[in-house]
């Protein structure tokens, strides 16, 4: 993947609280990226640093458009399910949650797989409860 070091640095900015700088750096990288794998990763992380759920949804959809590795699918569908849940679009949230669940068997054992599996359960619980709030365990955190 191209730009891996720059992507990692921008993601870290977002995680430490400088979401605006992270957005700007990731947007610049998005504009420079040519290959689908890199664009998918950048869009996936750009979604995580958006302030508005609608903007997050747009970036998550862009990531799905450029997905080049099935390993990303459980996480992408999980994020989309959570976006739609927070927007009150229950049917779309359920569809994407089902897609995330369908791809869970392909996840590796270990920390990453456990985070995604737990995220699916948290989003399913919030959806069942009718919650529109961002989860503390948000897939986009």
N, C-alpha and C. Protein backbone atom coordinates (compact mmCIF):
# COMPACT_ATOMS: atom_id res chain seq x y z
N UNK A 1 0.85 -1.18 0.00
CA UNK A 1 0.00 0.00 0.00
C UNK A 1 0.89 1.24 0.00
N UNK A 2 0.54 2.17 -0.85
CA UNK A 2 1.30 3.42 -0.91
C UNK A 2 0.91 4.34 0.24
N UNK A 3 1.83 5.21 0.61
CA UNK A 3 1.57 6.25 1.62
C UNK A 3 1.31 5.69 3.02
N UNK A 4 1.73 4.47 3.31
CA UNK A 4 1.41 3.84 4.58
C UNK A 4 1.88 4.65 5.78
N UNK A 5 3.09 5.15 5.74
CA UNK A 5 3.62 5.93 6.87
C UNK A 5 2.82 7.21 7.07
N UNK A 6 2.46 7.88 5.98
CA UNK A 6 1.69 9.12 6.09
C UNK A 6 0.28 8.85 6.60
N UNK A 7 -0.31 7.76 6.12
CA UNK A 7 -1.65 7.38 6.59
C UNK A 7 -1.62 7.11 8.08
N UNK A 8 -0.63 6.33 8.50
CA UNK A 8 -0.50 5.98 9.92
C UNK A 8 -0.33 7.24 10.78
N UNK A 9 0.49 8.17 10.34
CA UNK A 9 0.70 9.41 11.09
C UNK A 9 -0.58 10.23 11.18
N UNK A 10 -1.33 10.31 10.09
CA UNK A 10 -2.58 11.07 10.10
C UNK A 10 -3.62 10.41 11.00
N UNK A 11 -3.70 9.09 10.95
CA UNK A 11 -4.65 8.36 11.82
C UNK A 11 -4.30 8.62 13.28
N UNK A 12 -3.02 8.62 13.60
CA UNK A 12 -2.60 8.88 14.98
C UNK A 12 -2.99 10.29 15.42
N UNK A 13 -2.90 11.26 14.53
CA UNK A 13 -3.36 12.61 14.85
C UNK A 13 -4.83 12.60 15.25
N UNK A 14 -5.63 11.88 14.48
CA UNK A 14 -7.05 11.80 14.79
C UNK A 14 -7.31 11.12 16.13
N UNK A 15 -6.56 10.09 16.42
CA UNK A 15 -6.75 9.35 17.67
C UNK A 15 -6.32 10.16 18.89
N UNK A 16 -5.39 11.08 18.70
CA UNK A 16 -4.92 11.90 19.82
C UNK A 16 -5.70 13.21 19.95
N UNK A 17 -6.72 13.38 19.09
CA UNK A 17 -7.62 14.52 19.26
C UNK A 17 -7.55 15.61 18.21
N UNK A 18 -6.57 15.58 17.33
CA UNK A 18 -6.48 16.62 16.31
C UNK A 18 -7.16 16.13 15.03
N UNK A 19 -8.48 16.03 15.11
CA UNK A 19 -9.27 15.47 14.02
C UNK A 19 -9.22 16.35 12.77
N UNK A 20 -9.15 17.66 12.95
CA UNK A 20 -9.08 18.57 11.80
C UNK A 20 -7.80 18.35 11.01
N UNK A 21 -6.67 18.27 11.68
CA UNK A 21 -5.40 18.02 11.00
C UNK A 21 -5.41 16.64 10.35
N UNK A 22 -5.98 15.67 11.03
CA UNK A 22 -6.07 14.32 10.46
C UNK A 22 -6.92 14.34 9.19
N UNK A 23 -8.06 15.03 9.24
CA UNK A 23 -8.92 15.14 8.06
C UNK A 23 -8.18 15.76 6.89
N UNK A 24 -7.45 16.84 7.17
CA UNK A 24 -6.74 17.53 6.10
C UNK A 24 -5.65 16.65 5.49
N UNK A 25 -4.87 16.00 6.34
CA UNK A 25 -3.80 15.15 5.83
C UNK A 25 -4.36 13.96 5.06
N UNK A 26 -5.40 13.34 5.60
CA UNK A 26 -5.99 12.19 4.91
C UNK A 26 -6.65 12.61 3.59
N UNK A 27 -7.27 13.78 3.57
CA UNK A 27 -7.87 14.28 2.33
C UNK A 27 -6.79 14.51 1.28
N UNK A 28 -5.68 15.09 1.69
CA UNK A 28 -4.56 15.30 0.76
C UNK A 28 -4.06 13.96 0.22
N UNK A 29 -3.95 12.97 1.10
CA UNK A 29 -3.50 11.63 0.67
C UNK A 29 -4.53 11.00 -0.26
N UNK A 30 -5.81 11.17 0.03
CA UNK A 30 -6.88 10.65 -0.82
C UNK A 30 -6.76 11.22 -2.23
N UNK A 31 -6.53 12.53 -2.29
CA UNK A 31 -6.41 13.19 -3.59
C UNK A 31 -5.20 12.71 -4.38
N UNK A 32 -4.16 12.28 -3.67
CA UNK A 32 -2.93 11.82 -4.33
C UNK A 32 -2.95 10.32 -4.66
N UNK A 33 -3.78 9.57 -3.96
CA UNK A 33 -3.77 8.11 -4.11
C UNK A 33 -4.36 7.69 -5.45
N UNK A 34 -3.77 6.64 -6.00
CA UNK A 34 -4.24 6.12 -7.28
C UNK A 34 -4.81 4.71 -7.17
N UNK A 35 -4.24 3.89 -6.30
CA UNK A 35 -4.65 2.49 -6.28
C UNK A 35 -5.83 2.28 -5.32
N UNK A 36 -6.72 1.35 -5.67
CA UNK A 36 -7.93 1.11 -4.87
C UNK A 36 -7.65 0.73 -3.42
N UNK A 37 -6.63 -0.08 -3.16
CA UNK A 37 -6.36 -0.49 -1.79
C UNK A 37 -6.02 0.72 -0.91
N UNK A 38 -5.19 1.60 -1.42
CA UNK A 38 -4.82 2.79 -0.66
C UNK A 38 -6.03 3.70 -0.48
N UNK A 39 -6.80 3.88 -1.54
CA UNK A 39 -7.98 4.75 -1.45
C UNK A 39 -9.00 4.18 -0.45
N UNK A 40 -9.16 2.87 -0.43
CA UNK A 40 -10.07 2.23 0.52
C UNK A 40 -9.63 2.51 1.94
N UNK A 41 -8.35 2.31 2.22
CA UNK A 41 -7.84 2.54 3.57
C UNK A 41 -8.00 3.99 3.99
N UNK A 42 -7.65 4.91 3.10
CA UNK A 42 -7.75 6.32 3.43
C UNK A 42 -9.21 6.70 3.69
N UNK A 43 -10.11 6.28 2.83
CA UNK A 43 -11.53 6.59 3.03
C UNK A 43 -12.06 6.00 4.33
N UNK A 44 -11.63 4.78 4.64
CA UNK A 44 -12.04 4.10 5.88
C UNK A 44 -11.62 4.94 7.09
N UNK A 45 -10.39 5.45 7.07
CA UNK A 45 -9.91 6.26 8.19
C UNK A 45 -10.47 7.67 8.15
N UNK A 46 -10.71 8.21 6.97
CA UNK A 46 -11.32 9.54 6.87
C UNK A 46 -12.72 9.54 7.48
N UNK A 47 -13.44 8.46 7.30
CA UNK A 47 -14.77 8.36 7.91
C UNK A 47 -14.69 8.53 9.42
N UNK A 48 -13.64 7.97 10.01
CA UNK A 48 -13.50 7.98 11.46
C UNK A 48 -13.25 9.36 12.05
N UNK A 49 -12.81 10.31 11.25
CA UNK A 49 -12.49 11.64 11.80
C UNK A 49 -13.50 12.70 11.37
N UNK A 50 -14.63 12.28 10.86
CA UNK A 50 -15.68 13.23 10.48
C UNK A 50 -16.48 13.65 11.71
N UNK A 51 -16.98 14.86 11.68
CA UNK A 51 -17.80 15.37 12.79
C UNK A 51 -19.26 14.97 12.64
N UNK A 52 -19.74 14.88 11.42
CA UNK A 52 -21.14 14.59 11.16
C UNK A 52 -21.30 13.17 10.63
N UNK A 53 -22.33 12.48 11.09
CA UNK A 53 -22.57 11.11 10.67
C UNK A 53 -22.79 11.02 9.16
N UNK A 54 -23.44 12.00 8.58
CA UNK A 54 -23.67 11.99 7.13
C UNK A 54 -22.35 11.98 6.36
N UNK A 55 -21.37 12.76 6.84
CA UNK A 55 -20.06 12.80 6.20
C UNK A 55 -19.32 11.47 6.41
N UNK A 56 -19.46 10.94 7.60
CA UNK A 56 -18.85 9.64 7.89
C UNK A 56 -19.40 8.57 6.94
N UNK A 57 -20.71 8.59 6.74
CA UNK A 57 -21.34 7.64 5.83
C UNK A 57 -20.78 7.76 4.41
N UNK A 58 -20.62 8.98 3.93
CA UNK A 58 -20.09 9.19 2.58
C UNK A 58 -18.69 8.58 2.44
N UNK A 59 -17.84 8.77 3.43
CA UNK A 59 -16.49 8.20 3.35
C UNK A 59 -16.52 6.69 3.50
N UNK A 60 -17.40 6.17 4.34
CA UNK A 60 -17.51 4.71 4.46
C UNK A 60 -17.99 4.09 3.14
N UNK A 61 -18.90 4.76 2.47
CA UNK A 61 -19.36 4.27 1.16
C UNK A 61 -18.24 4.33 0.13
N UNK A 62 -17.42 5.38 0.17
CA UNK A 62 -16.28 5.47 -0.74
C UNK A 62 -15.30 4.34 -0.48
N UNK A 63 -15.08 4.03 0.79
CA UNK A 63 -14.17 2.92 1.13
C UNK A 63 -14.70 1.62 0.54
N UNK A 64 -16.00 1.40 0.66
CA UNK A 64 -16.59 0.17 0.12
C UNK A 64 -16.46 0.11 -1.40
N UNK A 65 -16.59 1.25 -2.07
CA UNK A 65 -16.44 1.30 -3.53
C UNK A 65 -15.05 0.86 -3.97
N UNK A 66 -14.04 1.19 -3.17
CA UNK A 66 -12.66 0.91 -3.56
C UNK A 66 -12.08 -0.33 -2.90
N UNK A 67 -12.90 -1.08 -2.17
CA UNK A 67 -12.36 -2.24 -1.45
C UNK A 67 -11.69 -3.21 -2.42
N UNK A 68 -10.47 -3.57 -2.10
CA UNK A 68 -9.71 -4.49 -2.95
C UNK A 68 -9.32 -5.74 -2.19
N UNK A 69 -9.71 -5.82 -0.92
CA UNK A 69 -9.32 -6.92 -0.05
C UNK A 69 -10.53 -7.32 0.79
N UNK A 70 -10.99 -8.54 0.64
CA UNK A 70 -12.16 -8.99 1.38
C UNK A 70 -11.98 -8.91 2.89
N UNK A 71 -10.74 -8.85 3.36
CA UNK A 71 -10.49 -8.72 4.79
C UNK A 71 -11.04 -7.43 5.38
N UNK A 72 -11.24 -6.43 4.53
CA UNK A 72 -11.80 -5.15 4.99
C UNK A 72 -13.32 -5.21 5.15
N UNK A 73 -13.97 -6.14 4.47
CA UNK A 73 -15.44 -6.12 4.38
C UNK A 73 -16.16 -6.18 5.73
N UNK A 74 -15.76 -7.03 6.68
CA UNK A 74 -16.51 -7.02 7.95
C UNK A 74 -16.49 -5.65 8.63
N UNK A 75 -15.34 -5.01 8.63
CA UNK A 75 -15.22 -3.70 9.25
C UNK A 75 -15.99 -2.63 8.49
N UNK A 76 -15.90 -2.66 7.17
CA UNK A 76 -16.62 -1.68 6.36
C UNK A 76 -18.13 -1.80 6.54
N UNK A 77 -18.62 -3.03 6.47
CA UNK A 77 -20.07 -3.23 6.66
C UNK A 77 -20.50 -2.87 8.07
N UNK A 78 -19.66 -3.16 9.05
CA UNK A 78 -19.97 -2.78 10.44
C UNK A 78 -20.09 -1.27 10.56
N UNK A 79 -19.12 -0.55 10.00
CA UNK A 79 -19.17 0.91 10.08
C UNK A 79 -20.41 1.47 9.38
N UNK A 80 -20.74 0.90 8.22
CA UNK A 80 -21.94 1.35 7.51
C UNK A 80 -23.20 1.07 8.32
N UNK A 81 -23.26 -0.10 8.94
CA UNK A 81 -24.42 -0.43 9.79
C UNK A 81 -24.55 0.59 10.91
N UNK A 82 -23.43 0.96 11.52
CA UNK A 82 -23.48 1.93 12.61
C UNK A 82 -23.86 3.31 12.10
N UNK A 83 -23.34 3.70 10.94
CA UNK A 83 -23.73 4.99 10.36
C UNK A 83 -25.24 5.05 10.14
N UNK A 84 -25.76 4.03 9.48
CA UNK A 84 -27.20 4.02 9.19
C UNK A 84 -28.02 3.96 10.47
N UNK A 85 -27.54 3.23 11.47
CA UNK A 85 -28.24 3.17 12.76
C UNK A 85 -28.33 4.56 13.36
N UNK A 86 -27.22 5.30 13.39
CA UNK A 86 -27.20 6.63 13.98
C UNK A 86 -28.03 7.62 13.18
N UNK A 87 -28.24 7.34 11.89
CA UNK A 87 -29.08 8.19 11.06
C UNK A 87 -30.55 7.78 11.11
N UNK A 88 -30.86 6.74 11.88
CA UNK A 88 -32.24 6.28 12.01
C UNK A 88 -32.75 5.49 10.82
N UNK A 89 -31.86 5.01 9.98
CA UNK A 89 -32.24 4.23 8.81
C UNK A 89 -32.09 2.74 9.17
N UNK A 90 -33.07 2.26 9.91
CA UNK A 90 -33.02 0.94 10.52
C UNK A 90 -32.85 -0.18 9.51
N UNK A 91 -33.61 -0.14 8.43
CA UNK A 91 -33.55 -1.22 7.45
C UNK A 91 -32.15 -1.33 6.82
N UNK A 92 -31.57 -0.19 6.45
CA UNK A 92 -30.22 -0.21 5.89
C UNK A 92 -29.20 -0.64 6.93
N UNK A 93 -29.40 -0.23 8.17
CA UNK A 93 -28.50 -0.66 9.25
C UNK A 93 -28.56 -2.18 9.41
N UNK A 94 -29.75 -2.73 9.38
CA UNK A 94 -29.90 -4.18 9.51
C UNK A 94 -29.26 -4.92 8.34
N UNK A 95 -29.43 -4.40 7.14
CA UNK A 95 -28.83 -5.03 5.95
C UNK A 95 -27.31 -5.06 6.05
N UNK A 96 -26.72 -3.95 6.46
CA UNK A 96 -25.26 -3.89 6.54
C UNK A 96 -24.74 -4.68 7.74
N UNK A 97 -25.51 -4.75 8.80
CA UNK A 97 -25.11 -5.59 9.94
C UNK A 97 -25.12 -7.06 9.53
N UNK A 98 -26.12 -7.46 8.75
CA UNK A 98 -26.17 -8.84 8.24
C UNK A 98 -24.98 -9.11 7.33
N UNK A 99 -24.60 -8.15 6.51
CA UNK A 99 -23.44 -8.32 5.63
C UNK A 99 -22.16 -8.44 6.46
N UNK A 100 -22.04 -7.63 7.52
CA UNK A 100 -20.87 -7.73 8.39
C UNK A 100 -20.81 -9.12 9.02
N UNK A 101 -21.94 -9.59 9.52
CA UNK A 101 -21.99 -10.93 10.14
C UNK A 101 -21.61 -12.02 9.13
N UNK A 102 -22.06 -11.88 7.90
CA UNK A 102 -21.77 -12.88 6.87
C UNK A 102 -20.27 -12.97 6.59
N UNK A 103 -19.54 -11.90 6.82
CA UNK A 103 -18.10 -11.89 6.56
C UNK A 103 -17.26 -12.19 7.80
N UNK A 104 -17.88 -12.34 8.96
CA UNK A 104 -17.13 -12.61 10.18
C UNK A 104 -16.29 -13.89 10.13
N UNK A 105 -16.78 -14.97 9.51
CA UNK A 105 -15.96 -16.19 9.49
C UNK A 105 -14.60 -16.01 8.82
N UNK A 106 -14.46 -15.03 7.97
CA UNK A 106 -13.19 -14.79 7.30
C UNK A 106 -12.20 -13.99 8.11
N UNK A 107 -12.63 -13.50 9.27
CA UNK A 107 -11.73 -12.71 10.11
C UNK A 107 -10.69 -13.61 10.78
N UNK A 108 -9.51 -13.09 10.98
CA UNK A 108 -8.49 -13.87 11.68
C UNK A 108 -8.79 -13.93 13.19
N UNK A 109 -8.22 -14.93 13.84
CA UNK A 109 -8.26 -14.95 15.29
C UNK A 109 -7.37 -13.83 15.78
N UNK A 110 -7.58 -13.41 16.99
CA UNK A 110 -6.73 -12.37 17.55
C UNK A 110 -7.48 -11.08 17.78
N UNK A 111 -6.72 -10.06 18.14
CA UNK A 111 -7.28 -8.79 18.58
C UNK A 111 -8.17 -8.12 17.53
N UNK A 112 -7.72 -8.04 16.28
CA UNK A 112 -8.51 -7.38 15.25
C UNK A 112 -9.86 -8.07 15.08
N UNK A 113 -9.84 -9.37 14.93
CA UNK A 113 -11.09 -10.12 14.77
C UNK A 113 -12.03 -9.95 15.95
N UNK A 114 -11.47 -9.94 17.15
CA UNK A 114 -12.29 -9.77 18.35
C UNK A 114 -12.92 -8.38 18.41
N UNK A 115 -12.18 -7.36 18.01
CA UNK A 115 -12.73 -5.98 17.99
C UNK A 115 -13.91 -5.90 17.04
N UNK A 116 -13.77 -6.48 15.86
CA UNK A 116 -14.86 -6.43 14.88
C UNK A 116 -16.05 -7.25 15.35
N UNK A 117 -15.81 -8.45 15.87
CA UNK A 117 -16.91 -9.28 16.38
C UNK A 117 -17.65 -8.58 17.51
N UNK A 118 -16.91 -7.97 18.44
CA UNK A 118 -17.54 -7.24 19.53
C UNK A 118 -18.31 -6.03 19.00
N UNK A 119 -17.75 -5.35 18.00
CA UNK A 119 -18.43 -4.20 17.40
C UNK A 119 -19.76 -4.59 16.79
N UNK A 120 -19.80 -5.74 16.12
CA UNK A 120 -21.05 -6.23 15.54
C UNK A 120 -22.10 -6.41 16.64
N UNK A 121 -21.70 -6.98 17.74
CA UNK A 121 -22.65 -7.20 18.85
C UNK A 121 -23.11 -5.88 19.46
N UNK A 122 -22.18 -4.93 19.64
CA UNK A 122 -22.56 -3.63 20.21
C UNK A 122 -23.53 -2.87 19.31
N UNK A 123 -23.26 -2.89 18.02
CA UNK A 123 -24.15 -2.19 17.08
C UNK A 123 -25.51 -2.90 17.04
N UNK A 124 -25.51 -4.23 17.07
CA UNK A 124 -26.78 -4.98 17.07
C UNK A 124 -27.60 -4.63 18.31
N UNK A 125 -26.95 -4.54 19.45
CA UNK A 125 -27.65 -4.18 20.70
C UNK A 125 -28.22 -2.77 20.63
N UNK A 126 -27.42 -1.83 20.12
CA UNK A 126 -27.89 -0.45 20.01
C UNK A 126 -29.04 -0.34 19.02
N UNK A 127 -28.95 -1.09 17.94
CA UNK A 127 -30.01 -1.10 16.94
C UNK A 127 -31.30 -1.65 17.54
N UNK A 128 -31.19 -2.74 18.27
CA UNK A 128 -32.36 -3.35 18.92
C UNK A 128 -32.99 -2.41 19.95
N UNK A 129 -32.15 -1.60 20.60
CA UNK A 129 -32.64 -0.66 21.60
C UNK A 129 -33.16 0.64 20.99
N UNK A 130 -32.98 0.80 19.68
CA UNK A 130 -33.45 2.02 19.02
C UNK A 130 -32.55 3.22 19.26
N UNK A 131 -31.32 2.99 19.70
CA UNK A 131 -30.40 4.09 20.00
C UNK A 131 -29.88 4.73 18.71
N UNK A 132 -29.81 6.05 18.74
CA UNK A 132 -29.23 6.81 17.63
C UNK A 132 -27.91 7.45 18.05
N UNK A 133 -27.48 7.17 19.26
CA UNK A 133 -26.28 7.80 19.81
C UNK A 133 -25.02 7.08 19.38
N UNK A 134 -23.91 7.84 19.27
CA UNK A 134 -22.60 7.25 19.01
C UNK A 134 -22.28 6.37 20.22
N UNK A 135 -21.78 5.19 19.93
CA UNK A 135 -21.43 4.26 20.98
C UNK A 135 -20.04 4.57 21.53
N UNK A 136 -19.85 4.35 22.82
CA UNK A 136 -18.50 4.49 23.38
C UNK A 136 -17.57 3.50 22.69
N UNK A 137 -18.11 2.37 22.30
CA UNK A 137 -17.34 1.35 21.61
C UNK A 137 -17.56 1.44 20.11
N UNK A 138 -17.75 2.67 19.63
CA UNK A 138 -18.07 2.89 18.23
C UNK A 138 -17.05 2.25 17.30
N UNK A 139 -17.52 1.60 16.23
CA UNK A 139 -16.59 1.09 15.24
C UNK A 139 -15.72 2.19 14.65
N UNK A 140 -16.18 3.41 14.74
CA UNK A 140 -15.44 4.53 14.14
C UNK A 140 -14.54 5.23 15.11
N UNK A 141 -14.38 4.69 16.30
CA UNK A 141 -13.51 5.35 17.27
C UNK A 141 -12.07 5.04 17.04
